[in-house]
Amino acid sequence: MNHSLQKTPDVDNVFSLLEKNGLSGTWLLEDGGLHVQFTEGASRLHGRGTGKVRFSREEWHDLYTPAGMENLEVMLGELANGSAPAAIEVEIRGRGEGACSRHVHMIGQRHPELPGVLIGACFERSCCNEFEARERVLESKVDATDFFWRNTIDRLQVGLWDWDFQSGRVIRSPFWRKLLDDPDEPLDTWTTDWERRIHPDDLPACIEDIQAHFAGHSDVCNLEYRLLNRTGEYVWVQDRSRVIEWDECGQPSRIVGIYLDIGQEVSIRQNLAERDRQFQAVFNSMFQFVGMLKPDGSVLECNHAVYEMTGLPQGHMHGVPLWEGVWWKNDQVQCDVKQWVCRAAAGEFVRHEVDIIDRNGIPHRVDFSIKPVYGANGEIRWLVTEGRHLNPAAPVESLAPVAVNPVEISDYHHGTVLLVDMNCTILSVTPAFSELIGYSEEELLRMNFVEITHPDDLGLDQGYVDGMLSGDCDYYSMEKRLVSKHGDVVPVDMEVTVLRRSNGSLLHMLKRIRDLRPAWHEQTLRRY
C-alpha cells in the first residue's frame, strides 16, 4: 500500500471552488486526537445527516475503507509531527445494500493557536475537476513550450548541458551526438568523459578558467577548446557556463552551460591571421617608408624601413601623430605635415617633396604622399603614407670578405662591433661594445652571443641567419634587445654582414651595434 502523501494543492483555488459547489465541509480533531467534530457540510458529505456530528476516533475510522483509513492515519501522523499542511484522498464506505462508495479529498493542518488540535477540510473528488482541468491545460502549455525551445535549440545547432557537481554527472542535449558525429554517444555522461576528449594543450586553460569562475572571479565561464570526435578529428567548441546552485558550504552544486561548434569561425580567424602575416611580410619588405594612419593622423603601423631609418624601437610610433616623428627636418615641416594630414582626411590625395633626417643626422630628400582609403560605406577609414628617396644616403662601406682577419677588427676600433662565428661564439670585440654591455673583453671571448641576447628575442633573427646559411643573403639589419652584465635591457640596432672564404663558404659574421636608448628616450620626451 502506498502511504505517500500527495502534494498540497493550491489552497486559494480549491476553497473558491468548494464554496461555489457547496460539496465541502470542515473537521476538527480534539482531546489529544480522541474525538473529531464534523461541520454540517462534512457530516452530509460522509452520509451522516445534515447537522453537526461528533465522533470518536474509532468511529471516524469506520467511515472509510481499510485503505482510506490507513491513508488518514498517515496524514494525521504527519500533521502531529510537523507544521506543514498535508493532503490525502480517502474512500468513504457505501451505506446499505448497493450503495456506492465516494472518494473524498481531505486537507489538514495543525491549529495555529491551540496545541494538539488538528483542523482540516474535506470535499468531494468531483468538485476539483475544474481546478484539475485548468492545471492540465497549464501543464500541456509548459510541455509545448519546452518542446518548442528544445526543438529550436537543436535547429540552431546549439547544445545544452547540466552538471551535477557533487556526483560529476552531466546531462546533455542531443546536439552532443551531432557534435561528436556519433548517434550512439550517451547523453548521460560524466565530467571525466568530457576531460578525456579535450585536446591536451587546451585542458589546463579550461580547468583554470572554470576554477576562476567557481572562485567568483567571473560571472560567466567562457571557454574555447578542441574536442575529439568519433572519427579521431578535433572540432572547435565554444562553451559558456554558469553556476546556478551552491551547497550549504558555499561550493558549486549545479552548473549549466551552452556550447556550439565554432570550427568555421576558427578557420576564418586562422585564414585572416595567415593573410595578416602575408601582408606584414610584404609591408615590411618594402624599401620605401610606408605607414598606415587613422584619419586623425595617429600612426597605426609603420614598416621596418621607417624604424631602420629613425633608429626607434619597433612599434614605438604606434598611436603617435605622424607630425611628431623625430625624422622631420624642422618645426615648419611638422606644421606642413599636420596640414597635409587634415587635407587627406577630407578626401584629398596629397603629395610633396620633403626633407627628413635619419638616425645619423644625415638629411634625405623624399617624395612624400598621403592617400585616403575609403570603407564600404564611403567613409574614410585610413590614410596611407609613402616616402621614396630622391637622393638616398651613400651606401654602407662594403667589406672585403677575405681581407678581414677573422680575429682582428681593428679597422672598427672606434665602433661598437663584434665578430662571431656561425655558431654565434664571440671571437673578437671592440672596447665600445665591451663598455656597452658591461662585460670585459676577456669575459666576452668566453661567451656566446646568445648569452647576452634577451630571452624573448632569441629567435628574432633566425630567419636571416637561415638565409645566410642557404646563400640567399649576405647582409641584414634589425632591432633587438641585449642584456648587460648588470641585467639591464639594452635596445640596439644590429647590422650583420657575413664574411666568406675565397671559395664562397661561410666564415664569420660581423655585427655592428648601435645603442638605441638615446633615440628611444628622445622620442619619449617628444611624445609628452
Protein backbone atom coordinates (compact mmCIF):
# COMPACT_ATOMS: atom_id res chain seq x y z
CA MET A 1 0.00 0.00 0.00
CA ASN A 2 1.38 3.38 -0.98
CA HIS A 3 1.13 5.68 2.03
CA SER A 4 2.94 8.65 0.48
CA LEU A 5 1.11 11.96 0.83
CA GLN A 6 0.02 13.91 -2.22
CA LYS A 7 1.34 17.39 -2.94
CA THR A 8 -0.73 20.09 -1.17
CA PRO A 9 -2.99 21.73 -3.79
CA ASP A 10 -3.38 25.44 -4.43
CA VAL A 11 -5.49 26.28 -1.35
CA ASP A 12 -6.99 29.55 -2.63
CA ASN A 13 -8.23 27.97 -5.87
CA VAL A 14 -9.54 24.85 -4.14
CA PHE A 15 -11.57 26.67 -1.50
CA SER A 16 -13.09 29.09 -4.05
CA LEU A 17 -14.34 26.05 -5.96
CA LEU A 18 -15.59 24.40 -2.77
CA GLU A 19 -17.65 27.42 -1.80
CA LYS A 20 -19.15 27.62 -5.29
CA ASN A 21 -20.14 23.95 -5.46
CA GLY A 22 -21.18 23.51 -1.81
CA LEU A 23 -19.70 19.98 -1.65
CA SER A 24 -17.36 20.53 1.25
CA GLY A 25 -17.06 20.60 4.99
CA THR A 26 -14.55 21.05 7.76
CA TRP A 27 -13.38 18.90 10.65
CA LEU A 28 -11.56 19.37 13.96
CA LEU A 29 -9.64 16.70 15.87
CA GLU A 30 -9.51 17.46 19.61
CA ASP A 31 -8.95 15.88 23.02
CA GLY A 32 -5.45 14.77 22.06
CA GLY A 33 -6.80 13.05 18.95
CA LEU A 34 -9.61 11.13 20.66
CA HIS A 35 -12.62 12.88 19.09
CA VAL A 36 -13.41 14.58 15.79
CA GLN A 37 -16.10 17.16 15.08
CA PHE A 38 -17.73 17.50 11.62
CA THR A 39 -19.45 20.62 10.37
CA GLU A 40 -22.79 20.21 8.68
CA GLY A 41 -21.16 20.03 5.25
CA ALA A 42 -18.68 17.38 6.36
CA SER A 43 -21.46 15.36 8.00
CA ARG A 44 -23.56 15.50 4.82
CA LEU A 45 -20.54 14.56 2.69
CA HIS A 46 -19.98 11.45 4.86
CA GLY A 47 -23.68 10.44 4.76
CA ARG A 48 -24.32 11.29 8.44
CA GLY A 49 -27.24 13.67 8.18
CA THR A 50 -27.33 17.44 7.94
CA GLY A 51 -26.31 18.55 11.42
CA LYS A 52 -23.00 18.79 13.23
CA VAL A 53 -21.66 15.46 14.43
CA ARG A 54 -19.01 14.44 16.98
CA PHE A 55 -17.29 11.04 16.61
CA SER A 56 -14.72 9.05 18.45
CA ARG A 57 -11.53 8.30 16.63
CA GLU A 58 -12.62 4.70 16.07
CA GLU A 59 -15.99 5.78 14.67
CA TRP A 60 -14.24 8.15 12.30
CA HIS A 61 -12.07 5.32 11.02
CA ASP A 62 -15.11 3.17 10.43
CA LEU A 63 -16.40 5.67 7.88
CA TYR A 64 -13.66 4.70 5.39
CA THR A 65 -12.41 1.64 3.58
CA PRO A 66 -9.28 -0.03 5.09
CA ALA A 67 -7.05 1.70 2.53
CA GLY A 68 -8.71 5.04 3.24
CA MET A 69 -8.27 4.54 6.98
CA GLU A 70 -4.54 3.86 6.52
CA ASN A 71 -4.14 6.99 4.42
CA LEU A 72 -5.96 9.01 7.08
CA GLU A 73 -3.63 7.77 9.82
CA VAL A 74 -0.59 8.59 7.71
CA MET A 75 -1.85 12.16 7.29
CA LEU A 76 -2.64 12.58 10.98
CA GLY A 77 0.81 11.31 11.90
CA GLU A 78 2.43 13.76 9.50
CA LEU A 79 0.42 16.64 10.99
CA ALA A 80 1.23 15.68 14.58
CA ASN A 81 4.98 15.65 13.86
CA GLY A 82 5.24 18.70 11.62
CA SER A 83 3.79 22.12 10.88
CA ALA A 84 3.29 21.82 7.11
CA PRO A 85 -0.23 21.14 5.74
CA ALA A 86 -0.93 17.71 4.21
CA ALA A 87 -3.48 16.31 1.77
CA ILE A 88 -4.81 12.80 1.01
CA GLU A 89 -7.63 11.08 -0.84
CA VAL A 90 -9.83 8.60 1.04
CA GLU A 91 -12.71 6.35 0.03
CA ILE A 92 -15.92 6.53 2.15
CA ARG A 93 -17.74 3.24 2.59
CA GLY A 94 -21.12 2.87 0.90
CA ARG A 95 -24.01 2.55 3.39
CA GLY A 96 -26.70 -0.01 2.70
CA GLU A 97 -27.12 -2.64 0.03
CA GLY A 98 -26.00 -1.48 -3.40
CA ALA A 99 -24.69 1.83 -2.06
CA CYS A 100 -21.69 3.25 -3.89
CA SER A 101 -18.56 4.43 -2.19
CA ARG A 102 -17.45 8.04 -2.52
CA HIS A 103 -13.92 9.41 -2.99
CA VAL A 104 -13.17 12.44 -0.85
CA HIS A 105 -10.17 14.76 -0.65
CA MET A 106 -9.03 15.74 2.81
CA ILE A 107 -6.72 18.63 3.76
CA GLY A 108 -5.37 19.10 7.26
CA GLN A 109 -3.04 21.24 9.33
CA ARG A 110 -2.19 22.00 12.95
CA HIS A 111 -4.33 24.63 14.67
CA PRO A 112 -2.31 27.90 14.70
CA GLU A 113 -3.33 28.76 18.30
CA LEU A 114 -4.39 25.51 20.05
CA PRO A 115 -1.59 22.98 20.62
CA GLY A 116 -2.54 19.38 19.93
CA VAL A 117 -5.61 20.33 17.86
CA LEU A 118 -5.78 19.47 14.16
CA ILE A 119 -8.17 21.14 11.73
CA GLY A 120 -8.97 20.49 8.10
CA ALA A 121 -11.39 20.42 5.22
CA CYS A 122 -12.95 17.66 3.14
CA PHE A 123 -14.59 17.83 -0.26
CA GLU A 124 -15.85 15.50 -2.93
CA ARG A 125 -13.44 14.48 -5.64
CA SER A 126 -15.67 15.74 -8.47
CA CYS A 127 -15.56 19.36 -7.25
CA CYS A 128 -11.87 19.52 -8.18
CA ASN A 129 -12.46 18.65 -11.81
CA GLU A 130 -12.47 22.29 -12.90
CA PHE A 131 -9.29 23.01 -10.98
CA GLU A 132 -7.51 19.92 -12.29
CA ALA A 133 -8.64 20.61 -15.85
CA ARG A 134 -7.09 24.06 -15.62
CA GLU A 135 -3.88 22.51 -14.23
CA ARG A 136 -3.76 20.03 -17.11
CA VAL A 137 -4.09 22.88 -19.62
CA LEU A 138 -1.22 24.73 -17.96
CA GLU A 139 0.94 21.59 -17.93
CA SER A 140 0.26 20.98 -21.62
CA LYS A 141 1.30 24.57 -22.37
CA VAL A 142 4.51 24.08 -20.40
CA ASP A 143 5.21 20.84 -22.26
CA ALA A 144 4.55 22.53 -25.61
CA THR A 145 6.84 25.44 -24.68
CA ASP A 146 9.55 23.07 -23.51
CA PHE A 147 9.32 21.11 -26.79
CA PHE A 148 9.44 24.36 -28.79
CA TRP A 149 12.65 25.55 -27.12
CA ARG A 150 14.35 22.16 -27.31
CA ASN A 151 13.45 21.85 -30.98
CA THR A 152 14.56 25.43 -31.67
CA ILE A 153 17.87 24.97 -29.87
CA ASP A 154 18.63 21.81 -31.84
CA ARG A 155 17.82 23.57 -35.12
CA LEU A 156 20.17 26.42 -34.17
CA GLN A 157 23.00 23.88 -33.74
CA VAL A 158 23.41 24.70 -30.07
CA GLY A 159 23.87 22.21 -27.25
CA LEU A 160 22.87 22.39 -23.59
CA TRP A 161 24.39 20.63 -20.58
CA ASP A 162 23.57 20.32 -16.89
CA TRP A 163 26.36 19.32 -14.49
CA ASP A 164 25.68 17.89 -11.00
CA PHE A 165 28.94 18.98 -9.42
CA GLN A 166 28.78 16.66 -6.41
CA SER A 167 28.34 13.47 -8.44
CA GLY A 168 30.21 14.58 -11.56
CA ARG A 169 27.24 13.59 -13.71
CA VAL A 170 26.49 15.66 -16.84
CA ILE A 171 23.21 15.55 -18.80
CA ARG A 172 23.50 16.80 -22.40
CA SER A 173 21.06 17.68 -25.17
CA PRO A 174 21.04 15.63 -28.45
CA PHE A 175 23.36 18.12 -30.19
CA TRP A 176 26.21 16.42 -28.29
CA ARG A 177 25.84 13.40 -30.60
CA LYS A 178 25.93 15.53 -33.72
CA LEU A 179 28.99 17.41 -32.48
CA LEU A 180 30.85 14.12 -31.91
CA ASP A 181 29.45 12.56 -35.12
CA ASP A 182 28.25 9.59 -33.08
CA PRO A 183 24.49 8.77 -32.94
CA ASP A 184 25.10 6.23 -30.17
CA GLU A 185 27.00 8.56 -27.83
CA PRO A 186 25.22 8.58 -24.43
CA LEU A 187 23.70 11.85 -23.26
CA ASP A 188 24.01 10.94 -19.58
CA THR A 189 27.77 11.29 -19.13
CA TRP A 190 30.46 12.19 -16.59
CA THR A 191 32.93 15.06 -16.43
CA THR A 192 35.75 12.57 -16.98
CA ASP A 193 34.26 11.76 -20.41
CA TRP A 194 34.50 15.45 -21.28
CA GLU A 195 38.04 15.85 -19.97
CA ARG A 196 39.44 12.91 -21.92
CA ARG A 197 38.07 14.34 -25.19
CA ILE A 198 39.65 17.80 -24.84
CA HIS A 199 42.91 18.44 -26.66
CA PRO A 200 45.78 18.12 -24.14
CA ASP A 201 47.01 21.63 -25.00
CA ASP A 202 43.60 23.16 -24.19
CA LEU A 203 42.70 21.29 -20.98
CA PRO A 204 44.89 23.25 -18.49
CA ALA A 205 43.47 26.63 -19.59
CA CYS A 206 39.90 25.27 -19.41
CA ILE A 207 40.39 23.98 -15.87
CA GLU A 208 42.00 27.26 -14.81
CA ASP A 209 39.07 29.32 -16.19
CA ILE A 210 36.48 27.02 -14.56
CA GLN A 211 38.20 27.28 -11.19
CA ALA A 212 38.38 31.07 -11.53
CA HIS A 213 34.61 31.13 -12.17
CA PHE A 214 33.97 28.91 -9.14
CA ALA A 215 36.05 31.32 -7.06
CA GLY A 216 33.83 34.23 -8.15
CA HIS A 217 36.34 35.94 -10.45
CA SER A 218 33.94 35.89 -13.42
CA ASP A 219 30.17 35.99 -13.87
CA VAL A 220 30.27 33.56 -16.79
CA CYS A 221 32.86 30.93 -17.71
CA ASN A 222 33.67 31.31 -21.43
CA LEU A 223 35.85 28.59 -22.95
CA GLU A 224 37.18 27.72 -26.40
CA TYR A 225 38.75 24.31 -26.91
CA ARG A 226 39.19 21.39 -29.29
CA LEU A 227 37.10 18.26 -28.75
CA LEU A 228 37.91 14.80 -30.11
CA ASN A 229 35.05 13.28 -32.13
CA ARG A 230 34.31 9.70 -33.18
CA THR A 231 36.48 9.85 -36.32
CA GLY A 232 39.57 10.96 -34.38
CA GLU A 233 39.40 14.58 -35.53
CA TYR A 234 39.25 17.63 -33.28
CA VAL A 235 36.33 20.06 -33.56
CA TRP A 236 36.46 23.59 -32.14
CA VAL A 237 33.86 24.30 -29.45
CA GLN A 238 32.79 27.46 -27.65
CA ASP A 239 31.39 26.69 -24.21
CA ARG A 240 29.66 29.23 -21.92
CA SER A 241 28.50 28.16 -18.46
CA ARG A 242 27.48 29.46 -15.06
CA VAL A 243 26.95 28.15 -11.53
CA ILE A 244 23.23 28.36 -10.67
CA GLU A 245 23.16 26.47 -7.36
CA TRP A 246 25.50 26.37 -4.35
CA ASP A 247 25.56 23.99 -1.39
CA GLU A 248 25.45 24.94 2.29
CA CYS A 249 29.25 25.22 2.36
CA GLY A 250 29.30 27.77 -0.45
CA GLN A 251 30.60 25.28 -3.03
CA PRO A 252 29.04 24.95 -6.53
CA SER A 253 26.48 22.16 -6.70
CA ARG A 254 24.91 22.68 -10.13
CA ILE A 255 26.35 24.24 -13.29
CA VAL A 256 24.53 24.69 -16.58
CA GLY A 257 26.03 25.61 -19.91
CA ILE A 258 25.57 26.05 -23.62
CA TYR A 259 28.01 25.05 -26.36
CA LEU A 260 28.29 25.34 -30.13
CA ASP A 261 30.53 24.26 -32.98
CA ILE A 262 32.82 27.18 -33.99
CA GLY A 263 35.02 25.26 -36.40
CA GLN A 264 34.09 27.51 -39.32
CA GLU A 265 34.70 30.65 -37.29
CA VAL A 266 38.12 29.42 -36.14
CA SER A 267 39.02 28.53 -39.74
CA ILE A 268 38.10 32.07 -40.83
CA ARG A 269 40.19 33.54 -37.99
CA GLN A 270 43.17 31.38 -38.94
CA ASN A 271 42.86 32.39 -42.60
CA LEU A 272 42.70 36.05 -41.61
CA ALA A 273 45.78 35.61 -39.41
CA GLU A 274 47.65 33.99 -42.29
CA ARG A 275 46.63 36.82 -44.62
CA ASP A 276 47.82 39.30 -42.00
CA ARG A 277 51.20 37.54 -41.82
CA GLN A 278 51.48 37.66 -45.61
CA PHE A 279 50.59 41.35 -45.60
CA GLN A 280 53.16 42.06 -42.90
CA ALA A 281 55.82 40.22 -44.88
CA VAL A 282 55.14 42.32 -47.98
CA PHE A 283 54.65 45.50 -45.95
CA ASN A 284 57.97 45.16 -44.16
CA SER A 285 59.95 44.10 -47.21
CA MET A 286 59.40 47.47 -48.93
CA PHE A 287 62.44 49.71 -49.11
CA GLN A 288 60.38 52.91 -49.19
CA PHE A 289 58.85 54.31 -45.99
CA VAL A 290 55.22 53.17 -45.63
CA GLY A 291 52.74 53.87 -42.85
CA MET A 292 49.04 53.49 -42.05
CA LEU A 293 47.25 56.22 -40.10
CA LYS A 294 43.87 56.81 -38.57
CA PRO A 295 42.01 59.76 -40.14
CA ASP A 296 43.15 61.88 -37.16
CA GLY A 297 46.78 61.29 -38.16
CA SER A 298 47.79 58.89 -35.36
CA VAL A 299 50.00 56.04 -36.54
CA LEU A 300 48.52 52.56 -36.75
CA GLU A 301 51.59 50.93 -38.23
CA CYS A 302 54.92 51.71 -39.91
CA ASN A 303 57.06 49.29 -41.87
CA HIS A 304 60.58 48.23 -40.89
CA ALA A 305 62.18 50.78 -43.22
CA VAL A 306 60.85 53.63 -41.05
CA TYR A 307 62.32 52.18 -37.86
CA GLU A 308 65.62 51.30 -39.52
CA MET A 309 65.92 54.88 -40.76
CA THR A 310 64.99 56.51 -37.43
CA GLY A 311 66.63 54.07 -35.02
CA LEU A 312 63.45 53.87 -32.91
CA PRO A 313 62.34 50.56 -31.36
CA GLN A 314 59.89 48.56 -33.45
CA GLY A 315 56.30 49.69 -32.83
CA HIS A 316 57.31 52.82 -30.90
CA MET A 317 55.30 55.14 -33.18
CA HIS A 318 52.03 53.30 -32.60
CA GLY A 319 49.36 55.83 -31.58
CA VAL A 320 51.70 58.84 -32.10
CA PRO A 321 50.58 61.64 -34.50
CA LEU A 322 52.63 61.40 -37.69
CA TRP A 323 53.87 65.01 -37.45
CA GLU A 324 55.51 64.24 -34.08
CA GLY A 325 58.02 61.84 -35.67
CA VAL A 326 61.67 62.57 -34.91
CA TRP A 327 62.68 62.47 -38.58
CA TRP A 328 61.15 65.76 -39.77
CA LYS A 329 63.81 68.39 -40.56
CA ASN A 330 62.30 71.25 -38.53
CA ASP A 331 59.14 72.57 -36.87
CA GLN A 332 57.88 74.12 -40.10
CA VAL A 333 57.92 70.74 -41.83
CA GLN A 334 55.97 69.29 -38.91
CA CYS A 335 53.30 72.00 -39.28
CA ASP A 336 53.12 71.29 -43.03
CA VAL A 337 52.68 67.55 -42.42
CA LYS A 338 49.87 68.20 -39.95
CA GLN A 339 48.04 70.30 -42.57
CA TRP A 340 48.58 67.65 -45.24
CA VAL A 341 47.06 65.01 -42.96
CA CYS A 342 43.97 67.19 -42.45
CA ARG A 343 43.59 67.63 -46.21
CA ALA A 344 43.95 63.89 -46.83
CA ALA A 345 41.40 63.16 -44.09
CA ALA A 346 38.98 65.39 -46.06
CA GLY A 347 39.46 63.20 -49.15
CA GLU A 348 42.40 64.86 -50.97
CA PHE A 349 45.43 62.98 -52.31
CA VAL A 350 48.45 64.93 -51.03
CA ARG A 351 51.97 64.73 -52.47
CA HIS A 352 55.06 66.86 -51.73
CA GLU A 353 58.83 66.67 -51.62
CA VAL A 354 60.09 66.99 -48.07
CA ASP A 355 63.34 66.75 -46.12
CA ILE A 356 63.80 64.13 -43.39
CA ILE A 357 66.72 63.31 -41.06
CA ASP A 358 67.92 59.76 -40.46
CA ARG A 359 69.27 58.37 -37.19
CA ASN A 360 72.81 59.52 -38.05
CA GLY A 361 71.68 63.10 -38.68
CA ILE A 362 72.02 62.77 -42.48
CA PRO A 363 69.33 64.66 -44.45
CA HIS A 364 67.33 62.95 -47.20
CA ARG A 365 65.01 64.34 -49.80
CA VAL A 366 61.90 62.15 -50.23
CA ASP A 367 58.82 62.11 -52.42
CA PHE A 368 56.15 62.04 -49.69
CA SER A 369 52.44 61.28 -50.26
CA ILE A 370 49.27 60.71 -48.21
CA LYS A 371 46.38 58.83 -49.78
CA PRO A 372 42.90 58.38 -48.21
CA VAL A 373 41.43 54.86 -48.18
CA TYR A 374 37.64 54.51 -48.18
CA GLY A 375 35.44 51.96 -46.42
CA ALA A 376 32.39 50.12 -47.79
CA ASN A 377 30.06 52.99 -46.79
CA GLY A 378 32.14 55.66 -48.47
CA GLU A 379 33.74 56.95 -45.27
CA ILE A 380 37.50 57.45 -44.98
CA ARG A 381 38.83 54.60 -42.87
CA TRP A 382 42.63 55.04 -43.13
CA LEU A 383 45.37 57.21 -44.55
CA VAL A 384 48.33 55.55 -46.29
CA THR A 385 51.63 57.40 -46.31
CA GLU A 386 54.61 56.66 -48.53
CA GLY A 387 58.07 58.16 -48.79
CA ARG A 388 60.52 57.43 -51.64
CA HIS A 389 64.14 58.51 -51.62
CA LEU A 390 65.08 61.16 -54.16
CA ASN A 391 68.72 61.34 -53.03
CA PRO A 392 69.36 58.27 -50.88
CA ALA A 393 72.25 58.32 -48.47
CA ALA A 394 75.57 56.92 -49.58
CA PRO A 395 75.67 53.13 -49.33
CA VAL A 396 77.38 51.49 -46.39
CA GLU A 397 81.06 50.89 -47.00
CA SER A 398 81.48 47.42 -48.47
CA LEU A 399 83.63 44.87 -46.77
CA ALA A 400 86.24 42.76 -48.49
CA PRO A 401 85.22 39.37 -47.18
CA VAL A 402 88.53 37.57 -47.09
CA ALA A 403 90.60 40.69 -46.35
CA VAL A 404 89.31 40.79 -42.78
CA ASN A 405 91.35 38.90 -40.25
CA PRO A 406 88.91 36.61 -38.50
CA VAL A 407 90.28 37.54 -35.08
CA GLU A 408 91.15 41.21 -35.66
CA ILE A 409 88.62 44.05 -36.15
CA SER A 410 90.96 46.96 -35.54
CA ASP A 411 89.55 48.78 -38.56
CA TYR A 412 86.41 49.27 -36.49
CA HIS A 413 88.18 50.05 -33.21
CA HIS A 414 86.10 53.17 -32.58
CA GLY A 415 82.79 51.46 -33.41
CA THR A 416 80.60 49.10 -31.39
CA VAL A 417 81.49 45.94 -33.26
CA LEU A 418 81.99 42.26 -32.56
CA LEU A 419 82.96 39.25 -34.64
CA VAL A 420 81.23 35.88 -34.12
CA ASP A 421 81.46 32.53 -35.84
CA MET A 422 78.48 30.87 -37.49
CA ASN A 423 77.54 29.30 -34.13
CA CYS A 424 77.49 32.80 -32.54
CA THR A 425 80.61 32.17 -30.43
CA ILE A 426 82.24 35.58 -29.83
CA LEU A 427 85.69 35.80 -31.47
CA SER A 428 86.58 39.46 -31.09
CA VAL A 429 85.03 42.68 -29.74
CA THR A 430 85.84 46.39 -29.70
CA PRO A 431 86.17 48.34 -26.43
CA ALA A 432 83.00 50.25 -27.29
CA PHE A 433 80.94 47.05 -27.35
CA SER A 434 82.53 45.88 -24.12
CA GLU A 435 81.58 49.19 -22.49
CA LEU A 436 78.02 48.99 -23.86
CA ILE A 437 77.33 45.54 -22.48
CA GLY A 438 79.33 45.80 -19.23
CA TYR A 439 81.47 42.70 -19.73
CA SER A 440 85.24 42.84 -20.14
CA GLU A 441 86.78 41.70 -23.41
CA GLU A 442 88.17 38.60 -21.70
CA GLU A 443 84.72 37.68 -20.36
CA LEU A 444 83.07 38.17 -23.74
CA LEU A 445 85.60 35.97 -25.53
CA ARG A 446 84.45 33.11 -23.31
CA MET A 447 80.77 33.69 -24.14
CA ASN A 448 78.25 33.07 -26.89
CA PHE A 449 76.21 35.95 -28.35
CA VAL A 450 73.06 34.05 -27.33
CA GLU A 451 74.03 34.54 -23.65
CA ILE A 452 73.70 38.33 -23.90
CA THR A 453 70.53 38.29 -26.06
CA HIS A 454 67.17 38.98 -24.37
CA PRO A 455 65.32 35.63 -23.95
CA ASP A 456 62.25 36.93 -25.84
CA ASP A 457 64.41 37.89 -28.85
CA LEU A 458 66.41 34.68 -29.23
CA GLY A 459 64.52 33.57 -32.34
CA LEU A 460 64.08 37.04 -33.79
CA ASP A 461 66.84 36.91 -36.42
CA GLN A 462 66.91 33.16 -37.03
CA GLY A 463 65.23 33.62 -40.42
CA TYR A 464 68.00 35.95 -41.56
CA VAL A 465 70.68 33.56 -40.32
CA ASP A 466 68.98 30.73 -42.20
CA GLY A 467 69.07 32.94 -45.30
CA MET A 468 72.81 33.41 -44.88
CA LEU A 469 73.36 29.69 -44.43
CA SER A 470 71.41 28.98 -47.62
CA GLY A 471 73.29 31.69 -49.52
CA ASP A 472 70.23 33.90 -50.10
CA CYS A 473 71.71 36.97 -48.37
CA ASP A 474 75.00 38.33 -47.01
CA TYR A 475 73.59 41.27 -45.01
CA TYR A 476 70.65 42.16 -42.80
CA SER A 477 69.75 44.70 -40.13
CA MET A 478 67.23 44.60 -37.33
CA GLU A 479 66.38 45.80 -33.85
CA LYS A 480 66.67 43.57 -30.81
CA ARG A 481 67.41 43.69 -27.09
CA LEU A 482 70.62 42.72 -25.36
CA VAL A 483 71.08 42.13 -21.64
CA SER A 484 74.05 43.78 -19.89
CA LYS A 485 76.18 42.19 -17.21
CA HIS A 486 74.11 44.06 -14.60
CA GLY A 487 70.80 42.77 -16.01
CA ASP A 488 69.79 46.00 -17.79
CA VAL A 489 67.90 45.69 -21.07
CA VAL A 490 69.74 47.48 -23.91
CA PRO A 491 67.72 48.11 -27.11
CA VAL A 492 70.07 48.11 -30.11
CA ASP A 493 70.06 48.31 -33.88
CA MET A 494 72.19 45.49 -35.29
CA GLU A 495 73.68 45.31 -38.80
CA VAL A 496 75.07 41.88 -39.66
CA THR A 497 77.41 41.15 -42.58
CA VAL A 498 78.57 37.65 -43.41
CA LEU A 499 82.23 37.07 -44.22
CA ARG A 500 83.06 34.33 -46.70
CA ARG A 501 86.19 32.49 -47.67
CA SER A 502 87.62 32.81 -51.15
CA ASN A 503 85.74 29.66 -52.17
CA GLY A 504 82.46 31.24 -51.08
CA SER A 505 81.95 29.20 -47.93
CA LEU A 506 80.78 30.93 -44.74
CA LEU A 507 83.45 32.15 -42.35
CA HIS A 508 82.21 34.58 -39.71
CA MET A 509 79.57 37.23 -39.02
CA LEU A 510 80.46 40.86 -38.35
CA LYS A 511 77.89 42.57 -36.10
CA ARG A 512 77.80 46.36 -35.86
CA ILE A 513 75.74 47.53 -32.90
CA ARG A 514 74.15 50.92 -32.24
CA ASP A 515 72.65 51.80 -28.86
CA LEU A 516 69.00 52.86 -29.32
CA ARG A 517 68.46 54.15 -25.78
CA PRO A 518 69.19 57.82 -26.64
CA ALA A 519 66.77 57.82 -29.59
CA TRP A 520 64.18 55.96 -27.54
CA HIS A 521 64.46 58.46 -24.71
CA GLU A 522 64.27 61.43 -27.09
CA GLN A 523 61.13 60.12 -28.76
CA THR A 524 59.51 59.51 -25.36
CA LEU A 525 60.20 63.13 -24.38
CA ARG A 526 58.74 64.42 -27.64
CA ARG A 527 55.55 62.46 -27.05
CA TYR A 528 54.95 64.14 -23.70
